[in-house]
mmCIF file of all heavy atoms, coordinates in Angstrom:
data_MODEL
# 
_entry.id   MODEL 
# 
loop_
_atom_site.group_PDB 
_atom_site.id 
_atom_site.type_symbol 
_atom_site.label_atom_id 
_atom_site.label_alt_id 
_atom_site.label_comp_id 
_atom_site.label_asym_id 
_atom_site.label_entity_id 
_atom_site.label_seq_id 
_atom_site.pdbx_PDB_ins_code 
_atom_site.Cartn_x 
_atom_site.Cartn_y 
_atom_site.Cartn_z 
_atom_site.occupancy 
_atom_site.B_iso_or_equiv 
_atom_site.pdbx_formal_charge 
_atom_site.auth_seq_id 
_atom_site.auth_comp_id 
_atom_site.auth_asym_id 
_atom_site.auth_atom_id 
_atom_site.pdbx_PDB_model_num 
ATOM 1   N N   . ILE A 1 1  ? 0.837   -1.205  0.000  1.00 0.00 ? 1  ILE A N   1 
ATOM 2   C CA  . ILE A 1 1  ? 0.000   0.000   0.000  1.00 0.00 ? 1  ILE A CA  1 
ATOM 3   C C   . ILE A 1 1  ? 0.871   1.254   0.000  1.00 0.00 ? 1  ILE A C   1 
ATOM 4   O O   . ILE A 1 1  ? 0.617   2.204   -0.752 1.00 0.00 ? 1  ILE A O   1 
ATOM 5   C CB  . ILE A 1 1  ? -0.950  -0.018  1.218  1.00 0.00 ? 1  ILE A CB  1 
ATOM 6   C CG1 . ILE A 1 1  ? -1.997  -1.125  1.057  1.00 0.00 ? 1  ILE A CG1 1 
ATOM 7   C CG2 . ILE A 1 1  ? -1.633  1.335   1.400  1.00 0.00 ? 1  ILE A CG2 1 
ATOM 8   C CD1 . ILE A 1 1  ? -2.848  -1.357  2.285  1.00 0.00 ? 1  ILE A CD1 1 
ATOM 9   N N   . LYS A 1 2  ? 1.919   1.243   0.818  1.00 0.00 ? 2  LYS A N   1 
ATOM 10  C CA  . LYS A 1 2  ? 2.836   2.381   0.874  1.00 0.00 ? 2  LYS A CA  1 
ATOM 11  C C   . LYS A 1 2  ? 3.598   2.525   -0.435 1.00 0.00 ? 2  LYS A C   1 
ATOM 12  O O   . LYS A 1 2  ? 3.757   3.646   -0.965 1.00 0.00 ? 2  LYS A O   1 
ATOM 13  C CB  . LYS A 1 2  ? 3.812   2.184   2.030  1.00 0.00 ? 2  LYS A CB  1 
ATOM 14  C CG  . LYS A 1 2  ? 4.898   3.252   2.129  1.00 0.00 ? 2  LYS A CG  1 
ATOM 15  C CD  . LYS A 1 2  ? 4.320   4.606   2.500  1.00 0.00 ? 2  LYS A CD  1 
ATOM 16  C CE  . LYS A 1 2  ? 5.423   5.609   2.730  1.00 0.00 ? 2  LYS A CE  1 
ATOM 17  N NZ  . LYS A 1 2  ? 4.884   6.936   3.152  1.00 0.00 ? 2  LYS A NZ  1 
ATOM 18  N N   . ASP A 1 3  ? 4.052   1.410   -0.993 1.00 0.00 ? 3  ASP A N   1 
ATOM 19  C CA  . ASP A 1 3  ? 4.846   1.437   -2.213 1.00 0.00 ? 3  ASP A CA  1 
ATOM 20  C C   . ASP A 1 3  ? 4.046   1.965   -3.395 1.00 0.00 ? 3  ASP A C   1 
ATOM 21  O O   . ASP A 1 3  ? 4.573   2.692   -4.247 1.00 0.00 ? 3  ASP A O   1 
ATOM 22  C CB  . ASP A 1 3  ? 5.373   0.033   -2.513 1.00 0.00 ? 3  ASP A CB  1 
ATOM 23  C CG  . ASP A 1 3  ? 6.299   0.007   -3.717 1.00 0.00 ? 3  ASP A CG  1 
ATOM 24  O OD1 . ASP A 1 3  ? 7.327   0.711   -3.697 1.00 0.00 ? 3  ASP A OD1 1 
ATOM 25  O OD2 . ASP A 1 3  ? 5.989   -0.710  -4.689 1.00 0.00 ? 3  ASP A OD2 1 
ATOM 26  N N   . VAL A 1 4  ? 2.761   1.623   -3.458 1.00 0.00 ? 4  VAL A N   1 
ATOM 27  C CA  . VAL A 1 4  ? 1.911   2.075   -4.559 1.00 0.00 ? 4  VAL A CA  1 
ATOM 28  C C   . VAL A 1 4  ? 1.693   3.584   -4.493 1.00 0.00 ? 4  VAL A C   1 
ATOM 29  O O   . VAL A 1 4  ? 1.599   4.260   -5.517 1.00 0.00 ? 4  VAL A O   1 
ATOM 30  C CB  . VAL A 1 4  ? 0.562   1.332   -4.539 1.00 0.00 ? 4  VAL A CB  1 
ATOM 31  C CG1 . VAL A 1 4  ? -0.437  1.957   -5.503 1.00 0.00 ? 4  VAL A CG1 1 
ATOM 32  C CG2 . VAL A 1 4  ? 0.772   -0.137  -4.900 1.00 0.00 ? 4  VAL A CG2 1 
ATOM 33  N N   . GLY A 1 5  ? 1.600   4.132   -3.283 1.00 0.00 ? 5  GLY A N   1 
ATOM 34  C CA  . GLY A 1 5  ? 1.427   5.576   -3.159 1.00 0.00 ? 5  GLY A CA  1 
ATOM 35  C C   . GLY A 1 5  ? 0.221   6.016   -2.365 1.00 0.00 ? 5  GLY A C   1 
ATOM 36  O O   . GLY A 1 5  ? -0.072  7.211   -2.290 1.00 0.00 ? 5  GLY A O   1 
ATOM 37  N N   . PHE A 1 6  ? -0.492  5.078   -1.745 1.00 0.00 ? 6  PHE A N   1 
ATOM 38  C CA  . PHE A 1 6  ? -1.591  5.473   -0.872 1.00 0.00 ? 6  PHE A CA  1 
ATOM 39  C C   . PHE A 1 6  ? -1.019  6.098   0.405  1.00 0.00 ? 6  PHE A C   1 
ATOM 40  O O   . PHE A 1 6  ? 0.101   5.788   0.805  1.00 0.00 ? 6  PHE A O   1 
ATOM 41  C CB  . PHE A 1 6  ? -2.456  4.265   -0.504 1.00 0.00 ? 6  PHE A CB  1 
ATOM 42  C CG  . PHE A 1 6  ? -3.284  3.734   -1.650 1.00 0.00 ? 6  PHE A CG  1 
ATOM 43  C CD1 . PHE A 1 6  ? -2.851  2.640   -2.389 1.00 0.00 ? 6  PHE A CD1 1 
ATOM 44  C CD2 . PHE A 1 6  ? -4.482  4.329   -1.987 1.00 0.00 ? 6  PHE A CD2 1 
ATOM 45  C CE1 . PHE A 1 6  ? -3.601  2.151   -3.447 1.00 0.00 ? 6  PHE A CE1 1 
ATOM 46  C CE2 . PHE A 1 6  ? -5.240  3.844   -3.051 1.00 0.00 ? 6  PHE A CE2 1 
ATOM 47  C CZ  . PHE A 1 6  ? -4.802  2.750   -3.777 1.00 0.00 ? 6  PHE A CZ  1 
ATOM 48  N N   . ASN A 1 7  ? -1.795  6.967   1.020  1.00 0.00 ? 7  ASN A N   1 
ATOM 49  C CA  . ASN A 1 7  ? -1.346  7.546   2.289  1.00 0.00 ? 7  ASN A CA  1 
ATOM 50  C C   . ASN A 1 7  ? -2.321  7.304   3.435  1.00 0.00 ? 7  ASN A C   1 
ATOM 51  O O   . ASN A 1 7  ? -2.049  7.675   4.575  1.00 0.00 ? 7  ASN A O   1 
ATOM 52  C CB  . ASN A 1 7  ? -1.066  9.042   2.150  1.00 0.00 ? 7  ASN A CB  1 
ATOM 53  C CG  . ASN A 1 7  ? -2.280  9.839   1.668  1.00 0.00 ? 7  ASN A CG  1 
ATOM 54  O OD1 . ASN A 1 7  ? -3.426  9.427   1.869  1.00 0.00 ? 7  ASN A OD1 1 
ATOM 55  N ND2 . ASN A 1 7  ? -2.026  10.961  1.024  1.00 0.00 ? 7  ASN A ND2 1 
ATOM 56  N N   . THR A 1 8  ? -3.467  6.691   3.143  1.00 0.00 ? 8  THR A N   1 
ATOM 57  C CA  . THR A 1 8  ? -4.483  6.443   4.165  1.00 0.00 ? 8  THR A CA  1 
ATOM 58  C C   . THR A 1 8  ? -5.098  5.060   3.963  1.00 0.00 ? 8  THR A C   1 
ATOM 59  O O   . THR A 1 8  ? -5.422  4.684   2.830  1.00 0.00 ? 8  THR A O   1 
ATOM 60  C CB  . THR A 1 8  ? -5.598  7.500   4.117  1.00 0.00 ? 8  THR A CB  1 
ATOM 61  O OG1 . THR A 1 8  ? -5.021  8.793   4.264  1.00 0.00 ? 8  THR A OG1 1 
ATOM 62  C CG2 . THR A 1 8  ? -6.624  7.276   5.211  1.00 0.00 ? 8  THR A CG2 1 
ATOM 63  N N   . VAL A 1 9  ? -5.257  4.331   5.046  1.00 0.00 ? 9  VAL A N   1 
ATOM 64  C CA  . VAL A 1 9  ? -5.912  3.022   5.024  1.00 0.00 ? 9  VAL A CA  1 
ATOM 65  C C   . VAL A 1 9  ? -7.152  3.089   5.901  1.00 0.00 ? 9  VAL A C   1 
ATOM 66  O O   . VAL A 1 9  ? -7.086  3.556   7.049  1.00 0.00 ? 9  VAL A O   1 
ATOM 67  C CB  . VAL A 1 9  ? -4.979  1.908   5.534  1.00 0.00 ? 9  VAL A CB  1 
ATOM 68  C CG1 . VAL A 1 9  ? -5.724  0.581   5.656  1.00 0.00 ? 9  VAL A CG1 1 
ATOM 69  C CG2 . VAL A 1 9  ? -3.777  1.752   4.607  1.00 0.00 ? 9  VAL A CG2 1 
ATOM 70  N N   . VAL A 1 10 ? -8.281  2.661   5.358  1.00 0.00 ? 10 VAL A N   1 
ATOM 71  C CA  . VAL A 1 10 ? -9.507  2.526   6.142  1.00 0.00 ? 10 VAL A CA  1 
ATOM 72  C C   . VAL A 1 10 ? -9.740  1.041   6.361  1.00 0.00 ? 10 VAL A C   1 
ATOM 73  O O   . VAL A 1 10 ? -9.935  0.286   5.408  1.00 0.00 ? 10 VAL A O   1 
ATOM 74  C CB  . VAL A 1 10 ? -10.711 3.158   5.426  1.00 0.00 ? 10 VAL A CB  1 
ATOM 75  C CG1 . VAL A 1 10 ? -11.972 2.974   6.269  1.00 0.00 ? 10 VAL A CG1 1 
ATOM 76  C CG2 . VAL A 1 10 ? -10.472 4.633   5.158  1.00 0.00 ? 10 VAL A CG2 1 
ATOM 77  N N   . PHE A 1 11 ? -9.698  0.602   7.612  1.00 0.00 ? 11 PHE A N   1 
ATOM 78  C CA  . PHE A 1 11 ? -9.861  -0.809  7.940  1.00 0.00 ? 11 PHE A CA  1 
ATOM 79  C C   . PHE A 1 11 ? -11.226 -1.020  8.587  1.00 0.00 ? 11 PHE A C   1 
ATOM 80  O O   . PHE A 1 11 ? -11.587 -0.374  9.565  1.00 0.00 ? 11 PHE A O   1 
ATOM 81  C CB  . PHE A 1 11 ? -8.747  -1.264  8.881  1.00 0.00 ? 11 PHE A CB  1 
ATOM 82  C CG  . PHE A 1 11 ? -8.837  -2.721  9.263  1.00 0.00 ? 11 PHE A CG  1 
ATOM 83  C CD1 . PHE A 1 11 ? -9.140  -3.696  8.321  1.00 0.00 ? 11 PHE A CD1 1 
ATOM 84  C CD2 . PHE A 1 11 ? -8.624  -3.118  10.574 1.00 0.00 ? 11 PHE A CD2 1 
ATOM 85  C CE1 . PHE A 1 11 ? -9.218  -5.035  8.672  1.00 0.00 ? 11 PHE A CE1 1 
ATOM 86  C CE2 . PHE A 1 11 ? -8.703  -4.446  10.943 1.00 0.00 ? 11 PHE A CE2 1 
ATOM 87  C CZ  . PHE A 1 11 ? -9.001  -5.410  9.985  1.00 0.00 ? 11 PHE A CZ  1 
ATOM 88  N N   . ASP A 1 12 ? -11.966 -1.945  8.027  1.00 0.00 ? 12 ASP A N   1 
ATOM 89  C CA  . ASP A 1 12 ? -13.330 -2.246  8.462  1.00 0.00 ? 12 ASP A CA  1 
ATOM 90  C C   . ASP A 1 12 ? -13.272 -3.118  9.717  1.00 0.00 ? 12 ASP A C   1 
ATOM 91  O O   . ASP A 1 12 ? -13.104 -4.333  9.624  1.00 0.00 ? 12 ASP A O   1 
ATOM 92  C CB  . ASP A 1 12 ? -14.055 -2.976  7.317  1.00 0.00 ? 12 ASP A CB  1 
ATOM 93  C CG  . ASP A 1 12 ? -15.484 -3.323  7.642  1.00 0.00 ? 12 ASP A CG  1 
ATOM 94  O OD1 . ASP A 1 12 ? -16.062 -2.688  8.540  1.00 0.00 ? 12 ASP A OD1 1 
ATOM 95  O OD2 . ASP A 1 12 ? -16.041 -4.216  6.968  1.00 0.00 ? 12 ASP A OD2 1 
ATOM 96  N N   . VAL A 1 13 ? -13.425 -2.513  10.888 1.00 0.00 ? 13 VAL A N   1 
ATOM 97  C CA  . VAL A 1 13 ? -13.304 -3.265  12.143 1.00 0.00 ? 13 VAL A CA  1 
ATOM 98  C C   . VAL A 1 13 ? -14.650 -3.807  12.625 1.00 0.00 ? 13 VAL A C   1 
ATOM 99  O O   . VAL A 1 13 ? -14.684 -4.658  13.519 1.00 0.00 ? 13 VAL A O   1 
ATOM 100 C CB  . VAL A 1 13 ? -12.671 -2.402  13.253 1.00 0.00 ? 13 VAL A CB  1 
ATOM 101 C CG1 . VAL A 1 13 ? -11.289 -1.923  12.843 1.00 0.00 ? 13 VAL A CG1 1 
ATOM 102 C CG2 . VAL A 1 13 ? -13.561 -1.223  13.614 1.00 0.00 ? 13 VAL A CG2 1 
ATOM 103 N N   . LYS A 1 14 ? -15.756 -3.329  12.028 1.00 0.00 ? 14 LYS A N   1 
ATOM 104 C CA  . LYS A 1 14 ? -17.080 -3.792  12.462 1.00 0.00 ? 14 LYS A CA  1 
ATOM 105 C C   . LYS A 1 14 ? -18.002 -3.825  11.246 1.00 0.00 ? 14 LYS A C   1 
ATOM 106 O O   . LYS A 1 14 ? -18.662 -2.847  10.921 1.00 0.00 ? 14 LYS A O   1 
ATOM 107 C CB  . LYS A 1 14 ? -17.647 -2.867  13.541 1.00 0.00 ? 14 LYS A CB  1 
ATOM 108 C CG  . LYS A 1 14 ? -18.982 -3.314  14.139 1.00 0.00 ? 14 LYS A CG  1 
ATOM 109 C CD  . LYS A 1 14 ? -19.369 -2.382  15.290 1.00 0.00 ? 14 LYS A CD  1 
ATOM 110 C CE  . LYS A 1 14 ? -20.708 -2.763  15.885 1.00 0.00 ? 14 LYS A CE  1 
ATOM 111 N NZ  . LYS A 1 14 ? -21.840 -2.479  14.963 1.00 0.00 ? 14 LYS A NZ  1 
ATOM 112 N N   . PRO A 1 15 ? -18.063 -4.954  10.549 1.00 0.00 ? 15 PRO A N   1 
ATOM 113 C CA  . PRO A 1 15 ? -18.902 -5.057  9.350  1.00 0.00 ? 15 PRO A CA  1 
ATOM 114 C C   . PRO A 1 15 ? -20.380 -5.204  9.696  1.00 0.00 ? 15 PRO A C   1 
ATOM 115 O O   . PRO A 1 15 ? -20.778 -5.103  10.866 1.00 0.00 ? 15 PRO A O   1 
ATOM 116 C CB  . PRO A 1 15 ? -18.352 -6.308  8.664  1.00 0.00 ? 15 PRO A CB  1 
ATOM 117 C CG  . PRO A 1 15 ? -17.827 -7.138  9.787  1.00 0.00 ? 15 PRO A CG  1 
ATOM 118 C CD  . PRO A 1 15 ? -17.313 -6.171  10.822 1.00 0.00 ? 15 PRO A CD  1 
ATOM 119 N N   . LEU A 1 16 ? -21.195 -5.454  8.668  1.00 0.00 ? 16 LEU A N   1 
ATOM 120 C CA  . LEU A 1 16 ? -22.643 -5.551  8.871  1.00 0.00 ? 16 LEU A CA  1 
ATOM 121 C C   . LEU A 1 16 ? -23.021 -6.628  9.882  1.00 0.00 ? 16 LEU A C   1 
ATOM 122 O O   . LEU A 1 16 ? -24.018 -6.493  10.591 1.00 0.00 ? 16 LEU A O   1 
ATOM 123 C CB  . LEU A 1 16 ? -23.341 -5.850  7.542  1.00 0.00 ? 16 LEU A CB  1 
ATOM 124 C CG  . LEU A 1 16 ? -23.349 -4.767  6.465  1.00 0.00 ? 16 LEU A CG  1 
ATOM 125 C CD1 . LEU A 1 16 ? -24.170 -5.222  5.268  1.00 0.00 ? 16 LEU A CD1 1 
ATOM 126 C CD2 . LEU A 1 16 ? -23.892 -3.459  7.000  1.00 0.00 ? 16 LEU A CD2 1 
ATOM 127 N N   . SER A 1 17 ? -22.249 -7.692  9.952  1.00 0.00 ? 17 SER A N   1 
ATOM 128 C CA  . SER A 1 17 ? -22.586 -8.794  10.852 1.00 0.00 ? 17 SER A CA  1 
ATOM 129 C C   . SER A 1 17 ? -22.511 -8.393  12.322 1.00 0.00 ? 17 SER A C   1 
ATOM 130 O O   . SER A 1 17 ? -23.005 -9.119  13.192 1.00 0.00 ? 17 SER A O   1 
ATOM 131 C CB  . SER A 1 17 ? -21.651 -9.979  10.600 1.00 0.00 ? 17 SER A CB  1 
ATOM 132 O OG  . SER A 1 17 ? -20.323 -9.656  10.964 1.00 0.00 ? 17 SER A OG  1 
ATOM 133 N N   . GLY A 1 18 ? -21.872 -7.245  12.618 1.00 0.00 ? 18 GLY A N   1 
ATOM 134 C CA  . GLY A 1 18 ? -21.714 -6.826  14.010 1.00 0.00 ? 18 GLY A CA  1 
ATOM 135 C C   . GLY A 1 18 ? -20.541 -7.493  14.694 1.00 0.00 ? 18 GLY A C   1 
ATOM 136 O O   . GLY A 1 18 ? -20.190 -7.139  15.824 1.00 0.00 ? 18 GLY A O   1 
ATOM 137 N N   . GLU A 1 19 ? -19.912 -8.467  14.025 1.00 0.00 ? 19 GLU A N   1 
ATOM 138 C CA  . GLU A 1 19 ? -18.715 -9.098  14.573 1.00 0.00 ? 19 GLU A CA  1 
ATOM 139 C C   . GLU A 1 19 ? -17.543 -8.125  14.458 1.00 0.00 ? 19 GLU A C   1 
ATOM 140 O O   . GLU A 1 19 ? -17.552 -7.235  13.619 1.00 0.00 ? 19 GLU A O   1 
ATOM 141 C CB  . GLU A 1 19 ? -18.421 -10.398 13.832 1.00 0.00 ? 19 GLU A CB  1 
ATOM 142 C CG  . GLU A 1 19 ? -19.538 -11.423 13.955 1.00 0.00 ? 19 GLU A CG  1 
ATOM 143 C CD  . GLU A 1 19 ? -19.352 -12.590 13.018 1.00 0.00 ? 19 GLU A CD  1 
ATOM 144 O OE1 . GLU A 1 19 ? -19.297 -12.361 11.796 1.00 0.00 ? 19 GLU A OE1 1 
ATOM 145 O OE2 . GLU A 1 19 ? -19.254 -13.729 13.505 1.00 0.00 ? 19 GLU A OE2 1 
ATOM 146 N N   . LEU A 1 20 ? -16.531 -8.325  15.281 1.00 0.00 ? 20 LEU A N   1 
ATOM 147 C CA  . LEU A 1 20 ? -15.424 -7.381  15.354 1.00 0.00 ? 20 LEU A CA  1 
ATOM 148 C C   . LEU A 1 20 ? -14.143 -7.993  14.809 1.00 0.00 ? 20 LEU A C   1 
ATOM 149 O O   . LEU A 1 20 ? -13.942 -9.213  14.861 1.00 0.00 ? 20 LEU A O   1 
ATOM 150 C CB  . LEU A 1 20 ? -15.222 -6.935  16.798 1.00 0.00 ? 20 LEU A CB  1 
ATOM 151 C CG  . LEU A 1 20 ? -16.454 -6.275  17.439 1.00 0.00 ? 20 LEU A CG  1 
ATOM 152 C CD1 . LEU A 1 20 ? -16.242 -6.066  18.921 1.00 0.00 ? 20 LEU A CD1 1 
ATOM 153 C CD2 . LEU A 1 20 ? -16.775 -4.962  16.748 1.00 0.00 ? 20 LEU A CD2 1 
ATOM 154 N N   . ALA A 1 21 ? -13.269 -7.132  14.300 1.00 0.00 ? 21 ALA A N   1 
ATOM 155 C CA  . ALA A 1 21 ? -12.018 -7.597  13.712 1.00 0.00 ? 21 ALA A CA  1 
ATOM 156 C C   . ALA A 1 21 ? -11.003 -7.986  14.768 1.00 0.00 ? 21 ALA A C   1 
ATOM 157 O O   . ALA A 1 21 ? -10.035 -8.684  14.462 1.00 0.00 ? 21 ALA A O   1 
ATOM 158 C CB  . ALA A 1 21 ? -11.441 -6.510  12.796 1.00 0.00 ? 21 ALA A CB  1 
ATOM 159 N N   . TYR A 1 22 ? -11.199 -7.561  15.989 1.00 0.00 ? 22 TYR A N   1 
ATOM 160 C CA  . TYR A 1 22 ? -10.205 -7.746  17.043 1.00 0.00 ? 22 TYR A CA  1 
ATOM 161 C C   . TYR A 1 22 ? -10.856 -8.426  18.253 1.00 0.00 ? 22 TYR A C   1 
ATOM 162 O O   . TYR A 1 22 ? -12.086 -8.381  18.421 1.00 0.00 ? 22 TYR A O   1 
ATOM 163 C CB  . TYR A 1 22 ? -9.635  -6.383  17.462 1.00 0.00 ? 22 TYR A CB  1 
ATOM 164 C CG  . TYR A 1 22 ? -10.690 -5.474  18.063 1.00 0.00 ? 22 TYR A CG  1 
ATOM 165 C CD1 . TYR A 1 22 ? -10.895 -5.435  19.443 1.00 0.00 ? 22 TYR A CD1 1 
ATOM 166 C CD2 . TYR A 1 22 ? -11.509 -4.691  17.257 1.00 0.00 ? 22 TYR A CD2 1 
ATOM 167 C CE1 . TYR A 1 22 ? -11.881 -4.632  19.995 1.00 0.00 ? 22 TYR A CE1 1 
ATOM 168 C CE2 . TYR A 1 22 ? -12.494 -3.887  17.804 1.00 0.00 ? 22 TYR A CE2 1 
ATOM 169 C CZ  . TYR A 1 22 ? -12.674 -3.861  19.171 1.00 0.00 ? 22 TYR A CZ  1 
ATOM 170 O OH  . TYR A 1 22 ? -13.669 -3.082  19.707 1.00 0.00 ? 22 TYR A OH  1 
ATOM 171 N N   . PRO A 1 23 ? -10.078 -9.042  19.132 1.00 0.00 ? 23 PRO A N   1 
ATOM 172 C CA  . PRO A 1 23 ? -10.650 -9.618  20.360 1.00 0.00 ? 23 PRO A CA  1 
ATOM 173 C C   . PRO A 1 23 ? -11.168 -8.506  21.268 1.00 0.00 ? 23 PRO A C   1 
ATOM 174 O O   . PRO A 1 23 ? -10.425 -7.621  21.659 1.00 0.00 ? 23 PRO A O   1 
ATOM 175 C CB  . PRO A 1 23 ? -9.461  -10.348 20.990 1.00 0.00 ? 23 PRO A CB  1 
ATOM 176 C CG  . PRO A 1 23 ? -8.467  -10.530 19.884 1.00 0.00 ? 23 PRO A CG  1 
ATOM 177 C CD  . PRO A 1 23 ? -8.649  -9.349  18.983 1.00 0.00 ? 23 PRO A CD  1 
ATOM 178 N N   . SER A 1 24 ? -12.440 -8.555  21.600 1.00 0.00 ? 24 SER A N   1 
ATOM 179 C CA  . SER A 1 24 ? -13.079 -7.491  22.366 1.00 0.00 ? 24 SER A CA  1 
ATOM 180 C C   . SER A 1 24 ? -13.631 -8.027  23.682 1.00 0.00 ? 24 SER A C   1 
ATOM 181 O O   . SER A 1 24 ? -14.013 -9.195  23.794 1.00 0.00 ? 24 SER A O   1 
ATOM 182 C CB  . SER A 1 24 ? -14.216 -6.867  21.541 1.00 0.00 ? 24 SER A CB  1 
ATOM 183 O OG  . SER A 1 24 ? -15.008 -5.999  22.324 1.00 0.00 ? 24 SER A OG  1 
# 
């Protein structure tokens, strides 16, 4: 992502299912 030239990442931590990307 950095090499291509993006400067911002949006990470989906809570999708429609309501489940979470991380241990909560």
